[in-house]
Amino acid sequence: MIRKTRPDASNLFADRLRKIADTPQADTDYGVVGPPATRAERKPAFRAATLTFITGDRIDVVVKNLSATGARVEFMCNVPLPDRVLLSEPTACLQVWAYVTWQEPGAAGLEFVIT
């Protein structure tokens, strides 16, 4: 009976790495992407506000920073926010619909809806 020898796994890995290293990389023109988008200037804030969901539910939040295009809010309850909320802050006469762009436990980023 003839016994076949298995190739050594380390040699297979080395051969694969050589093959990858020998493959030429395509040139990429990163200039076509354009300049990076600039963020609106954020101003620190500490204001009590309310987020109202489309379902009518409300949670109390604190606006931590504010810009012309959005806000960062923090809250005590660990609840998932819907995609769109109404941010109301009475002392600044602020009542605006916003998209929830990111959320982590106790904080969220809002992007104001342009109407």
N, C-alpha and C. Protein backbone atom coordinates (compact mmCIF):
# COMPACT_ATOMS: atom_id res chain seq x y z
N MET A 1 0.83 -1.16 0.00
CA MET A 1 0.00 0.00 0.00
C MET A 1 0.89 1.24 0.00
N ILE A 2 0.57 2.18 -0.85
CA ILE A 2 1.36 3.41 -0.96
C ILE A 2 0.70 4.48 -0.10
N ARG A 3 1.50 5.09 0.70
CA ARG A 3 0.99 6.12 1.60
C ARG A 3 1.34 7.49 1.04
N LYS A 4 0.30 8.35 0.96
CA LYS A 4 0.53 9.71 0.46
C LYS A 4 0.98 10.59 1.61
N THR A 5 1.89 11.47 1.31
CA THR A 5 2.37 12.40 2.34
C THR A 5 1.57 13.69 2.23
N ARG A 6 1.18 14.21 3.38
CA ARG A 6 0.46 15.49 3.41
C ARG A 6 1.45 16.63 3.37
N PRO A 7 1.15 17.68 2.59
CA PRO A 7 2.04 18.83 2.59
C PRO A 7 2.01 19.52 3.96
N ASP A 8 3.12 20.07 4.34
CA ASP A 8 3.24 20.75 5.62
C ASP A 8 2.40 22.03 5.58
N ALA A 9 1.60 22.25 6.61
CA ALA A 9 0.70 23.40 6.66
C ALA A 9 1.47 24.71 6.66
N SER A 10 2.63 24.75 7.32
CA SER A 10 3.41 25.99 7.36
C SER A 10 3.92 26.35 5.98
N ASN A 11 4.26 25.33 5.14
CA ASN A 11 4.70 25.61 3.78
C ASN A 11 3.55 26.15 2.94
N LEU A 12 2.34 25.63 3.14
CA LEU A 12 1.18 26.13 2.41
C LEU A 12 0.93 27.60 2.74
N PHE A 13 1.05 27.92 4.01
CA PHE A 13 0.85 29.30 4.44
C PHE A 13 1.91 30.22 3.84
N ALA A 14 3.17 29.78 3.86
CA ALA A 14 4.26 30.58 3.31
C ALA A 14 4.08 30.77 1.81
N ASP A 15 3.65 29.73 1.12
CA ASP A 15 3.41 29.84 -0.33
C ASP A 15 2.29 30.82 -0.62
N ARG A 16 1.25 30.78 0.20
CA ARG A 16 0.13 31.70 -0.01
C ARG A 16 0.56 33.14 0.21
N LEU A 17 1.35 33.39 1.26
CA LEU A 17 1.85 34.74 1.52
C LEU A 17 2.73 35.24 0.39
N ARG A 18 3.58 34.36 -0.15
CA ARG A 18 4.41 34.76 -1.30
C ARG A 18 3.56 35.14 -2.49
N LYS A 19 2.52 34.36 -2.75
CA LYS A 19 1.63 34.64 -3.88
C LYS A 19 0.94 36.00 -3.71
N ILE A 20 0.50 36.30 -2.49
CA ILE A 20 -0.15 37.60 -2.23
C ILE A 20 0.86 38.73 -2.40
N ALA A 21 2.08 38.54 -1.92
CA ALA A 21 3.10 39.58 -2.02
C ALA A 21 3.52 39.83 -3.46
N ASP A 22 3.48 38.81 -4.30
CA ASP A 22 3.89 38.95 -5.70
C ASP A 22 2.82 39.60 -6.57
N THR A 23 1.57 39.65 -6.11
CA THR A 23 0.49 40.25 -6.89
C THR A 23 0.63 41.77 -6.85
N PRO A 24 0.71 42.42 -8.03
CA PRO A 24 0.85 43.88 -8.02
C PRO A 24 -0.46 44.54 -7.56
N GLN A 25 -0.32 45.64 -6.85
CA GLN A 25 -1.49 46.37 -6.38
C GLN A 25 -1.93 47.36 -7.44
N ALA A 26 -3.24 47.56 -7.53
CA ALA A 26 -3.79 48.54 -8.46
C ALA A 26 -3.56 49.93 -7.91
N ASP A 27 -3.26 50.88 -8.79
CA ASP A 27 -3.09 52.27 -8.35
C ASP A 27 -4.46 52.85 -8.03
N THR A 28 -4.54 53.53 -6.92
CA THR A 28 -5.79 54.14 -6.50
C THR A 28 -5.61 55.64 -6.47
N ASP A 29 -6.53 56.34 -7.12
CA ASP A 29 -6.49 57.80 -7.12
C ASP A 29 -7.43 58.31 -6.04
N TYR A 30 -6.86 58.72 -4.93
CA TYR A 30 -7.68 59.20 -3.83
C TYR A 30 -8.13 60.64 -4.01
N GLY A 31 -7.68 61.31 -5.02
CA GLY A 31 -8.06 62.69 -5.27
C GLY A 31 -9.49 62.83 -5.74
N VAL A 32 -10.07 61.78 -6.27
CA VAL A 32 -11.44 61.85 -6.78
C VAL A 32 -12.47 61.92 -5.67
N VAL A 33 -12.11 61.53 -4.49
CA VAL A 33 -13.07 61.51 -3.40
C VAL A 33 -13.46 62.92 -3.01
N GLY A 34 -12.57 63.85 -3.06
CA GLY A 34 -12.87 65.23 -2.72
C GLY A 34 -12.45 65.55 -1.30
N PRO A 35 -12.60 66.80 -0.93
CA PRO A 35 -12.18 67.20 0.42
C PRO A 35 -13.11 66.59 1.47
N PRO A 36 -12.61 66.39 2.67
CA PRO A 36 -13.47 65.83 3.72
C PRO A 36 -14.58 66.81 4.09
N ALA A 37 -15.72 66.26 4.44
CA ALA A 37 -16.85 67.11 4.82
C ALA A 37 -16.52 67.82 6.14
N THR A 38 -16.87 69.07 6.21
CA THR A 38 -16.60 69.82 7.42
C THR A 38 -17.79 69.72 8.36
N ARG A 39 -17.50 69.60 9.64
CA ARG A 39 -18.55 69.52 10.63
C ARG A 39 -18.94 70.91 11.07
N ALA A 40 -20.20 71.06 11.40
CA ALA A 40 -20.65 72.34 11.93
C ALA A 40 -20.03 72.56 13.31
N GLU A 41 -19.80 73.80 13.65
CA GLU A 41 -19.17 74.12 14.93
C GLU A 41 -20.10 73.76 16.08
N ARG A 42 -19.60 72.98 17.01
CA ARG A 42 -20.37 72.58 18.18
C ARG A 42 -20.12 73.54 19.33
N LYS A 43 -21.22 73.89 20.00
CA LYS A 43 -21.11 74.76 21.16
C LYS A 43 -21.54 73.96 22.38
N PRO A 44 -20.73 73.94 23.44
CA PRO A 44 -21.13 73.20 24.63
C PRO A 44 -22.41 73.78 25.23
N ALA A 45 -23.23 72.89 25.71
CA ALA A 45 -24.50 73.31 26.32
C ALA A 45 -24.80 72.37 27.48
N PHE A 46 -25.70 72.80 28.33
CA PHE A 46 -26.19 71.94 29.39
C PHE A 46 -27.62 72.40 29.64
N ARG A 47 -28.53 71.87 28.81
CA ARG A 47 -29.92 72.30 28.88
C ARG A 47 -30.84 71.10 28.98
N ALA A 48 -31.83 71.21 29.83
CA ALA A 48 -32.83 70.16 29.96
C ALA A 48 -33.77 70.23 28.75
N ALA A 49 -34.06 69.07 28.17
CA ALA A 49 -34.93 69.01 27.00
C ALA A 49 -35.73 67.72 27.05
N THR A 50 -36.59 67.56 26.06
CA THR A 50 -37.43 66.37 25.97
C THR A 50 -37.36 65.82 24.56
N LEU A 51 -37.23 64.49 24.47
CA LEU A 51 -37.34 63.82 23.18
C LEU A 51 -38.72 63.19 23.12
N THR A 52 -39.46 63.48 22.06
CA THR A 52 -40.78 62.89 21.87
C THR A 52 -40.70 61.95 20.68
N PHE A 53 -41.14 60.71 20.88
CA PHE A 53 -41.13 59.73 19.81
C PHE A 53 -42.39 59.89 18.97
N ILE A 54 -42.40 59.30 17.80
CA ILE A 54 -43.57 59.34 16.92
C ILE A 54 -44.75 58.65 17.60
N THR A 55 -44.48 57.68 18.46
CA THR A 55 -45.54 56.97 19.18
C THR A 55 -46.16 57.81 20.29
N GLY A 56 -45.54 58.94 20.63
CA GLY A 56 -46.04 59.79 21.69
C GLY A 56 -45.28 59.65 22.99
N ASP A 57 -44.43 58.63 23.10
CA ASP A 57 -43.61 58.45 24.30
C ASP A 57 -42.60 59.59 24.41
N ARG A 58 -42.25 59.93 25.65
CA ARG A 58 -41.29 61.01 25.89
C ARG A 58 -40.23 60.56 26.88
N ILE A 59 -39.02 61.08 26.69
CA ILE A 59 -37.98 60.91 27.70
C ILE A 59 -37.28 62.24 27.92
N ASP A 60 -36.88 62.48 29.15
CA ASP A 60 -36.14 63.69 29.49
C ASP A 60 -34.67 63.48 29.15
N VAL A 61 -34.06 64.49 28.54
CA VAL A 61 -32.66 64.41 28.14
C VAL A 61 -31.96 65.70 28.53
N VAL A 62 -30.64 65.67 28.44
CA VAL A 62 -29.82 66.87 28.63
C VAL A 62 -29.07 67.10 27.33
N VAL A 63 -29.20 68.29 26.76
CA VAL A 63 -28.46 68.65 25.54
C VAL A 63 -27.05 69.02 25.98
N LYS A 64 -26.06 68.24 25.53
CA LYS A 64 -24.67 68.46 25.94
C LYS A 64 -23.90 69.37 24.98
N ASN A 65 -24.20 69.27 23.69
CA ASN A 65 -23.64 70.23 22.75
C ASN A 65 -24.64 70.43 21.62
N LEU A 66 -24.51 71.57 20.97
CA LEU A 66 -25.50 71.99 19.99
C LEU A 66 -24.80 72.66 18.83
N SER A 67 -25.27 72.38 17.62
CA SER A 67 -24.75 73.05 16.43
C SER A 67 -25.92 73.40 15.54
N ALA A 68 -25.65 74.01 14.41
CA ALA A 68 -26.71 74.37 13.49
C ALA A 68 -27.34 73.13 12.84
N THR A 69 -26.61 72.02 12.82
CA THR A 69 -27.10 70.83 12.13
C THR A 69 -27.50 69.69 13.05
N GLY A 70 -27.21 69.79 14.36
CA GLY A 70 -27.54 68.68 15.23
C GLY A 70 -27.19 68.93 16.68
N ALA A 71 -27.32 67.86 17.47
CA ALA A 71 -27.06 67.97 18.91
C ALA A 71 -26.63 66.62 19.46
N ARG A 72 -25.97 66.69 20.61
CA ARG A 72 -25.66 65.48 21.38
C ARG A 72 -26.51 65.55 22.63
N VAL A 73 -27.24 64.47 22.89
CA VAL A 73 -28.08 64.42 24.07
C VAL A 73 -27.66 63.24 24.94
N GLU A 74 -27.84 63.41 26.25
CA GLU A 74 -27.58 62.34 27.19
C GLU A 74 -28.81 62.14 28.04
N PHE A 75 -29.04 60.88 28.46
CA PHE A 75 -30.23 60.55 29.22
C PHE A 75 -29.92 59.42 30.19
N MET A 76 -30.76 59.29 31.22
CA MET A 76 -30.50 58.33 32.28
C MET A 76 -31.00 56.93 31.95
N CYS A 77 -32.12 56.82 31.24
CA CYS A 77 -32.68 55.49 30.97
C CYS A 77 -31.99 54.88 29.75
N ASN A 78 -31.87 53.57 29.78
CA ASN A 78 -31.23 52.85 28.68
C ASN A 78 -32.32 52.33 27.76
N VAL A 79 -32.80 53.18 26.88
CA VAL A 79 -33.90 52.83 25.98
C VAL A 79 -33.44 53.06 24.54
N PRO A 80 -33.75 52.14 23.63
CA PRO A 80 -33.40 52.38 22.24
C PRO A 80 -34.30 53.47 21.64
N LEU A 81 -33.68 54.41 20.98
CA LEU A 81 -34.44 55.50 20.37
C LEU A 81 -34.90 55.09 18.97
N PRO A 82 -36.05 55.60 18.53
CA PRO A 82 -36.47 55.35 17.16
C PRO A 82 -35.61 56.15 16.18
N ASP A 83 -35.82 55.95 14.90
CA ASP A 83 -35.01 56.64 13.89
C ASP A 83 -35.21 58.15 13.90
N ARG A 84 -36.41 58.60 14.27
CA ARG A 84 -36.72 60.03 14.22
C ARG A 84 -37.40 60.46 15.51
N VAL A 85 -36.98 61.59 16.06
CA VAL A 85 -37.52 62.11 17.32
C VAL A 85 -37.75 63.61 17.20
N LEU A 86 -38.57 64.14 18.11
CA LEU A 86 -38.80 65.57 18.20
C LEU A 86 -38.06 66.08 19.43
N LEU A 87 -37.09 66.97 19.22
CA LEU A 87 -36.31 67.56 20.31
C LEU A 87 -36.97 68.87 20.70
N SER A 88 -37.34 68.99 21.97
CA SER A 88 -37.98 70.21 22.48
C SER A 88 -37.19 70.74 23.65
N GLU A 89 -36.81 72.02 23.54
CA GLU A 89 -36.10 72.70 24.63
C GLU A 89 -36.73 74.09 24.74
N PRO A 90 -37.56 74.32 25.78
CA PRO A 90 -38.37 75.54 25.83
C PRO A 90 -37.60 76.84 26.03
N THR A 91 -36.50 76.85 26.78
CA THR A 91 -35.83 78.12 27.05
C THR A 91 -35.16 78.69 25.81
N ALA A 92 -34.75 77.85 24.88
CA ALA A 92 -34.13 78.32 23.63
C ALA A 92 -35.14 78.35 22.49
N CYS A 93 -36.41 78.10 22.82
CA CYS A 93 -37.47 78.02 21.81
C CYS A 93 -37.08 77.03 20.70
N LEU A 94 -36.57 75.89 21.11
CA LEU A 94 -36.11 74.88 20.16
C LEU A 94 -37.13 73.74 20.12
N GLN A 95 -37.69 73.52 18.96
CA GLN A 95 -38.57 72.38 18.73
C GLN A 95 -38.33 71.94 17.29
N VAL A 96 -37.57 70.84 17.15
CA VAL A 96 -37.14 70.43 15.82
C VAL A 96 -37.13 68.90 15.72
N TRP A 97 -37.53 68.41 14.56
CA TRP A 97 -37.44 66.97 14.29
C TRP A 97 -35.99 66.64 13.97
N ALA A 98 -35.57 65.46 14.39
CA ALA A 98 -34.17 65.06 14.18
C ALA A 98 -34.08 63.57 13.94
N TYR A 99 -33.08 63.18 13.14
CA TYR A 99 -32.75 61.78 12.94
C TYR A 99 -31.73 61.37 14.00
N VAL A 100 -31.86 60.17 14.53
CA VAL A 100 -30.88 59.64 15.47
C VAL A 100 -29.77 59.02 14.62
N THR A 101 -28.60 59.65 14.59
CA THR A 101 -27.50 59.17 13.74
C THR A 101 -26.63 58.14 14.43
N TRP A 102 -26.54 58.21 15.75
CA TRP A 102 -25.81 57.20 16.53
C TRP A 102 -26.39 57.16 17.92
N GLN A 103 -26.20 56.01 18.57
CA GLN A 103 -26.67 55.88 19.94
C GLN A 103 -25.78 54.90 20.68
N GLU A 104 -25.46 55.24 21.90
CA GLU A 104 -24.76 54.35 22.83
C GLU A 104 -25.53 54.43 24.14
N PRO A 105 -25.28 53.55 25.08
CA PRO A 105 -26.04 53.60 26.33
C PRO A 105 -25.93 54.96 27.02
N GLY A 106 -27.06 55.65 27.13
CA GLY A 106 -27.10 56.93 27.83
C GLY A 106 -26.79 58.15 26.99
N ALA A 107 -26.53 57.99 25.70
CA ALA A 107 -26.21 59.15 24.86
C ALA A 107 -26.63 58.87 23.42
N ALA A 108 -26.85 59.96 22.67
CA ALA A 108 -27.23 59.82 21.26
C ALA A 108 -26.85 61.09 20.52
N GLY A 109 -26.60 60.92 19.22
CA GLY A 109 -26.34 62.05 18.35
C GLY A 109 -27.53 62.28 17.44
N LEU A 110 -27.95 63.52 17.33
CA LEU A 110 -29.11 63.86 16.52
C LEU A 110 -28.71 64.77 15.37
N GLU A 111 -29.29 64.51 14.22
CA GLU A 111 -29.11 65.38 13.05
C GLU A 111 -30.45 65.99 12.73
N PHE A 112 -30.52 67.33 12.75
CA PHE A 112 -31.78 68.01 12.54
C PHE A 112 -32.29 67.78 11.12
N VAL A 113 -33.61 67.61 11.01
CA VAL A 113 -34.27 67.43 9.72
C VAL A 113 -34.43 68.82 9.10
N ILE A 114 -33.95 68.97 7.89
CA ILE A 114 -34.06 70.26 7.19
C ILE A 114 -35.39 70.27 6.46
N THR A 115 -36.24 71.25 6.81
CA THR A 115 -37.56 71.34 6.17
C THR A 115 -37.67 72.56 5.30
